[in-house]
Every structure is written in structure tokens, then in C-alpha cells.
Amino acid sequence: MQPAVTAKEALGDLPRITEHLKGKLKGGRRSFDTLSPYRHDIEPSNFAIEMRNWESFASFEGVWDHVIRYLPRDYQIFKLMRPGDQYPEAHKIAKNLFYKELKKEFNGRAVDEKSTEYIELRKSIVPPYSPDKFPNKWRKMEEDAPARTLTAHIGKDTYSHIHYDSTQARVISVREAARLQSFPDGFVFEGAMNSAFRQIGNAVPPLLAFAVASSIKRQLSSIFLVGRK
């Protein structure tokens, strides 16, 4: 049995994304109109090579759908999370960031927790979900382990797959989600970003479908040959 593909093996050769950290990314519709060249400083894994060279879906220069969500509140949290951290850890990090900013903003003076200033500052830094009710809502991937299963809910957010590279401090892109589902790089998704995420999350991974179909074919062929005897 072949070993599982790690997150880094699946995604490591795809272009780095840091525009959001420089203030160059804004909210709104994400179309697939920009070619992002493959990285040349990293040797692609066998899995990545297969995704690039899939017959009828080959992609030799790069990918067109390497786009991410605009989540400015959370970039610092993503950066400080450790691989494997989930929402409780993320929430704790956010609260620490908030208290540091609170101290800086108000020079250490007491602030009424019911005041508009306090509430608005907290809202700008700390996610609103209870860490007790949503422990699995967020998760930072580990580069040397397989990624967690993608679900249809990824069409609404991608916090379940925060990129393992802290210097990028972001969630995965459409193409990275597609790679984790084993879609070849040349496969074209209909619509823009949200629609593509939903298609990927709803899909049966192509390599899994191929393995199942191949097994069924072998069994049917065996039955046919036995029947002919």
C-alpha cells in the first residue's frame, strides 16, 4: 500500500500567496482570469507531477484558480496558530491579540466592557463563535500529514483548512482545495470562487472514483471469465 500524500506533497509546488498581507487583496467576486506560475524553487512531488500531467487535463505553466477568501480579521491568528491547532487555540490567540491591542489603544486605562469602543475593538479581532460549541470549525493543516476531508461546507468558508505555511497566513485557495481532492490542475470549475469551492467539496475525489471503478472492473472481468468457462 502506498503511503498517504501529505499536505506539503500535495500543495508545496503551488505559488505562494502573500498579497493579502500587503493590503493588495480586497473583498468581492474572485474570477479565474490570472495565471499563477508554478514554483521553481521546490521540486514537485510525484503526486503534484501527476496532477500537472493528467491526460486531457495537463497544465504546464501554472494554474488559473489560485484564489483565496478575503479574511483580514484573521491573518494574524492564522500566522500564530501551530500546525494541528483548532478553533479553541485560535480563539485563545485572538483574545491575547485583543488584550494587547486594548492595552495599546487605551494606554492601560480601564475600559467599560459594555462600551462601544470595547465591543467594536473586540469584534475587529476576536471571532464571535464559542470555542466550546465549535471546536472543529478551524484547523491549521500539518505539512507532514494528510489534510482533513473537504466537505460541501467549504463552499461557505475554508477555515477547516488553514495553510500550514505561517508566512502565508491564510486559508487554502480553490486550486489547493482541488489538489487535496485529487482534481488535475487542468480541470476547469464553473463559475467563480464560491461556486468552485462548493463543487470541490461536493465531489468524490477523482483518484478515489478511479480506484473504485478499477476494482469493480476487475471483479466484473473475473466474473465474466468464470462464466465463459
Protein backbone atom coordinates (compact mmCIF):
# COMPACT_ATOMS: atom_id res chain seq x y z
CA MET A 1 0.00 0.00 0.00
CA GLN A 2 1.31 3.43 -0.92
CA PRO A 3 1.76 5.99 1.90
CA ALA A 4 -0.77 8.81 2.18
CA VAL A 5 0.04 12.07 0.42
CA THR A 6 0.98 14.81 2.88
CA ALA A 7 -0.30 18.37 2.66
CA LYS A 8 3.12 19.64 1.58
CA GLU A 9 3.43 16.97 -1.10
CA ALA A 10 0.02 17.99 -2.42
CA LEU A 11 0.47 21.77 -2.28
CA GLY A 12 4.15 22.62 -1.95
CA ASP A 13 4.80 23.40 -5.63
CA LEU A 14 1.85 25.79 -5.95
CA PRO A 15 2.62 29.53 -5.89
CA ARG A 16 2.93 31.36 -2.58
CA ILE A 17 0.14 33.86 -1.86
CA THR A 18 1.01 36.89 0.26
CA GLU A 19 -0.85 39.76 -1.44
CA HIS A 20 -3.42 39.82 1.37
CA LEU A 21 -0.68 40.56 3.91
CA LYS A 22 0.38 43.59 1.86
CA GLY A 23 -3.12 45.04 1.66
CA LYS A 24 -3.45 44.17 -2.03
CA LEU A 25 -6.43 41.84 -1.65
CA LYS A 26 -9.97 43.17 -1.33
CA GLY A 27 -13.37 41.56 -0.84
CA GLY A 28 -15.64 40.64 -3.74
CA ARG A 29 -16.01 38.12 -6.52
CA ARG A 30 -12.94 36.05 -7.40
CA SER A 31 -12.72 35.10 -11.07
CA PHE A 32 -10.20 32.75 -12.61
CA ASP A 33 -8.54 35.19 -15.01
CA THR A 34 -4.94 35.19 -13.78
CA LEU A 35 -2.30 32.55 -14.41
CA SER A 36 -0.21 31.75 -11.33
CA PRO A 37 3.06 30.08 -12.39
CA TYR A 38 4.29 27.01 -10.56
CA ARG A 39 7.12 27.45 -8.08
CA HIS A 40 10.58 26.64 -9.42
CA ASP A 41 12.35 26.59 -6.05
CA ILE A 42 10.59 23.38 -4.94
CA GLU A 43 10.80 20.01 -6.64
CA PRO A 44 7.22 18.82 -7.25
CA SER A 45 6.22 15.57 -5.56
CA ASN A 46 5.09 12.54 -7.54
CA PHE A 47 1.50 13.47 -6.68
CA ALA A 48 1.98 17.05 -7.91
CA ILE A 49 3.54 15.78 -11.15
CA GLU A 50 0.51 13.53 -11.67
CA MET A 51 -1.85 16.47 -11.10
CA ARG A 52 0.07 18.59 -13.61
CA ASN A 53 0.25 15.93 -16.31
CA TRP A 54 -3.13 14.20 -16.17
CA GLU A 55 -4.10 13.14 -19.68
CA SER A 56 -6.52 15.63 -21.29
CA PHE A 57 -6.18 17.92 -18.22
CA ALA A 58 -2.48 18.77 -18.31
CA SER A 59 -1.24 22.15 -17.11
CA PHE A 60 2.37 23.01 -17.86
CA GLU A 61 2.84 26.64 -16.82
CA GLY A 62 0.70 27.10 -13.73
CA VAL A 63 -2.89 27.33 -12.51
CA TRP A 64 -5.73 29.79 -13.12
CA ASP A 65 -7.82 29.40 -9.97
CA HIS A 66 -5.29 30.01 -7.20
CA VAL A 67 -7.51 32.50 -5.36
CA ILE A 68 -8.37 32.84 -1.66
CA ARG A 69 -11.01 34.40 0.57
CA TYR A 70 -10.61 37.91 1.99
CA LEU A 71 -10.38 37.44 5.78
CA PRO A 72 -8.43 40.45 7.15
CA ARG A 73 -9.52 39.97 10.78
CA ASP A 74 -7.88 36.57 10.95
CA TYR A 75 -4.48 36.84 9.23
CA GLN A 76 -2.61 37.38 12.50
CA ILE A 77 -4.43 34.47 14.09
CA PHE A 78 -3.54 32.16 11.19
CA LYS A 79 0.10 33.22 11.48
CA LEU A 80 0.31 32.43 15.20
CA MET A 81 -1.55 29.12 15.13
CA ARG A 82 0.55 25.97 15.32
CA PRO A 83 0.04 23.05 12.92
CA GLY A 84 -2.86 20.96 14.20
CA ASP A 85 -4.38 23.83 16.21
CA GLN A 86 -8.16 24.12 16.02
CA TYR A 87 -10.70 26.76 16.99
CA PRO A 88 -10.16 26.75 20.79
CA GLU A 89 -6.47 27.51 20.24
CA ALA A 90 -7.32 30.11 17.58
CA HIS A 91 -9.82 31.80 19.90
CA LYS A 92 -7.25 31.97 22.69
CA ILE A 93 -4.71 33.54 20.33
CA ALA A 94 -7.31 36.09 19.20
CA LYS A 95 -8.15 37.04 22.79
CA ASN A 96 -4.46 37.59 23.56
CA LEU A 97 -4.13 39.79 20.48
CA PHE A 98 -7.21 41.72 21.58
CA TYR A 99 -5.91 42.37 25.10
CA LYS A 100 -2.57 43.57 23.71
CA GLU A 101 -4.35 45.93 21.32
CA LEU A 102 -6.69 47.07 24.10
CA LYS A 103 -3.75 47.97 26.31
CA LYS A 104 -2.06 49.78 23.44
CA GLU A 105 -5.20 51.61 22.33
CA PHE A 106 -6.21 52.85 25.79
CA ASN A 107 -2.76 53.19 27.36
CA GLY A 108 -3.59 50.76 30.15
CA ARG A 109 -6.60 52.67 31.47
CA ALA A 110 -9.74 50.77 32.45
CA VAL A 111 -12.38 50.42 29.74
CA ASP A 112 -16.03 49.56 30.23
CA GLU A 113 -16.62 46.15 28.59
CA LYS A 114 -20.09 47.33 27.56
CA SER A 115 -18.81 50.44 25.84
CA THR A 116 -18.98 50.79 22.07
CA GLU A 117 -15.21 51.22 21.88
CA TYR A 118 -14.54 47.96 23.70
CA ILE A 119 -17.13 45.98 21.76
CA GLU A 120 -16.02 47.26 18.35
CA LEU A 121 -12.34 46.63 19.04
CA ARG A 122 -13.05 43.11 20.25
CA LYS A 123 -15.24 42.43 17.20
CA SER A 124 -12.41 43.52 14.89
CA ILE A 125 -10.02 40.94 16.35
CA VAL A 126 -11.86 38.07 18.07
CA PRO A 127 -14.09 35.66 16.09
CA PRO A 128 -17.65 35.52 17.51
CA TYR A 129 -18.05 31.76 17.88
CA SER A 130 -17.86 29.95 21.20
CA PRO A 131 -14.78 27.71 21.44
CA ASP A 132 -16.90 25.17 23.33
CA LYS A 133 -19.55 24.85 20.62
CA PHE A 134 -17.35 24.94 17.53
CA PRO A 135 -14.05 23.18 18.39
CA ASN A 136 -13.56 21.82 14.86
CA LYS A 137 -14.61 24.88 12.89
CA TRP A 138 -10.99 25.93 12.35
CA ARG A 139 -7.90 23.79 11.83
CA LYS A 140 -4.38 24.53 10.66
CA MET A 141 -3.00 21.81 8.44
CA GLU A 142 0.21 19.94 9.22
CA GLU A 143 2.65 19.88 6.32
CA ASP A 144 3.88 16.35 7.04
CA ALA A 145 0.43 14.75 7.44
CA PRO A 146 -2.60 14.24 5.16
CA ALA A 147 -5.17 17.02 5.10
CA ARG A 148 -8.56 16.59 6.72
CA THR A 149 -11.52 15.66 4.50
CA LEU A 150 -13.03 18.52 2.50
CA THR A 151 -16.80 18.88 2.83
CA ALA A 152 -19.54 20.74 0.98
CA HIS A 153 -19.40 23.41 3.69
CA ILE A 154 -16.11 24.56 2.24
CA GLY A 155 -18.32 26.45 -0.21
CA LYS A 156 -19.15 28.84 2.66
CA ASP A 157 -15.80 29.08 4.39
CA THR A 158 -12.37 27.42 4.35
CA TYR A 159 -11.35 27.72 7.99
CA SER A 160 -11.19 23.94 8.25
CA HIS A 161 -8.10 24.08 6.02
CA ILE A 162 -5.75 26.85 7.12
CA HIS A 163 -2.48 26.68 5.18
CA TYR A 164 0.39 25.07 7.08
CA ASP A 165 2.82 27.82 5.97
CA SER A 166 2.59 30.55 8.65
CA THR A 167 4.41 33.06 6.44
CA GLN A 168 1.39 32.98 4.12
CA ALA A 169 -1.15 33.22 6.99
CA ARG A 170 -4.24 32.26 5.02
CA VAL A 171 -6.78 29.58 4.21
CA ILE A 172 -6.36 27.35 1.16
CA SER A 173 -7.09 28.52 -2.37
CA VAL A 174 -9.52 26.98 -4.84
CA ARG A 175 -6.71 25.16 -6.62
CA GLU A 176 -5.27 23.90 -3.34
CA ALA A 177 -8.69 22.53 -2.38
CA ALA A 178 -8.84 20.87 -5.80
CA ARG A 179 -5.38 19.36 -5.30
CA LEU A 180 -6.45 17.93 -1.92
CA GLN A 181 -9.42 16.31 -3.68
CA SER A 182 -7.09 14.99 -6.43
CA PHE A 183 -8.54 17.09 -9.27
CA PRO A 184 -5.99 17.56 -12.07
CA ASP A 185 -4.63 21.08 -12.45
CA GLY A 186 -6.18 21.49 -15.89
CA PHE A 187 -9.71 20.74 -14.70
CA VAL A 188 -11.93 23.81 -15.09
CA PHE A 189 -14.57 24.62 -12.46
CA GLU A 190 -17.71 26.50 -13.44
CA GLY A 191 -18.38 29.96 -12.02
CA ALA A 192 -16.15 31.86 -9.63
CA MET A 193 -14.56 31.11 -6.24
CA ASN A 194 -17.55 30.24 -4.03
CA SER A 195 -19.13 28.05 -6.68
CA ALA A 196 -15.84 26.24 -7.32
CA PHE A 197 -15.30 25.56 -3.62
CA ARG A 198 -18.79 24.08 -3.41
CA GLN A 199 -18.19 21.86 -6.45
CA ILE A 200 -14.94 20.60 -4.94
CA GLY A 201 -16.46 19.95 -1.52
CA ASN A 202 -19.40 18.04 -3.01
CA ALA A 203 -17.25 15.92 -5.30
CA VAL A 204 -15.98 12.37 -4.97
CA PRO A 205 -12.18 12.64 -5.30
CA PRO A 206 -11.28 11.60 -8.87
CA LEU A 207 -8.48 9.26 -7.78
CA LEU A 208 -10.84 7.57 -5.33
CA ALA A 209 -13.51 7.20 -8.03
CA PHE A 210 -10.88 5.75 -10.39
CA ALA A 211 -9.73 3.23 -7.76
CA VAL A 212 -13.29 2.11 -7.03
CA ALA A 213 -14.17 1.85 -10.73
CA SER A 214 -10.98 -0.11 -11.44
CA SER A 215 -11.79 -2.56 -8.67
CA ILE A 216 -15.33 -3.05 -9.96
CA LYS A 217 -13.97 -3.58 -13.49
CA ARG A 218 -11.55 -6.26 -12.27
CA GLN A 219 -14.31 -8.07 -10.38
CA LEU A 220 -16.72 -7.93 -13.31
CA SER A 221 -14.00 -9.17 -15.67
CA SER A 222 -13.28 -12.05 -13.30
CA ILE A 223 -16.96 -13.00 -13.14
CA PHE A 224 -17.21 -12.82 -16.95
CA LEU A 225 -14.21 -15.10 -17.42
CA VAL A 226 -15.53 -17.62 -14.88
CA GLY A 227 -18.90 -17.58 -16.64
CA ARG A 228 -17.30 -18.34 -20.01
CA LYS A 229 -15.56 -21.40 -18.56
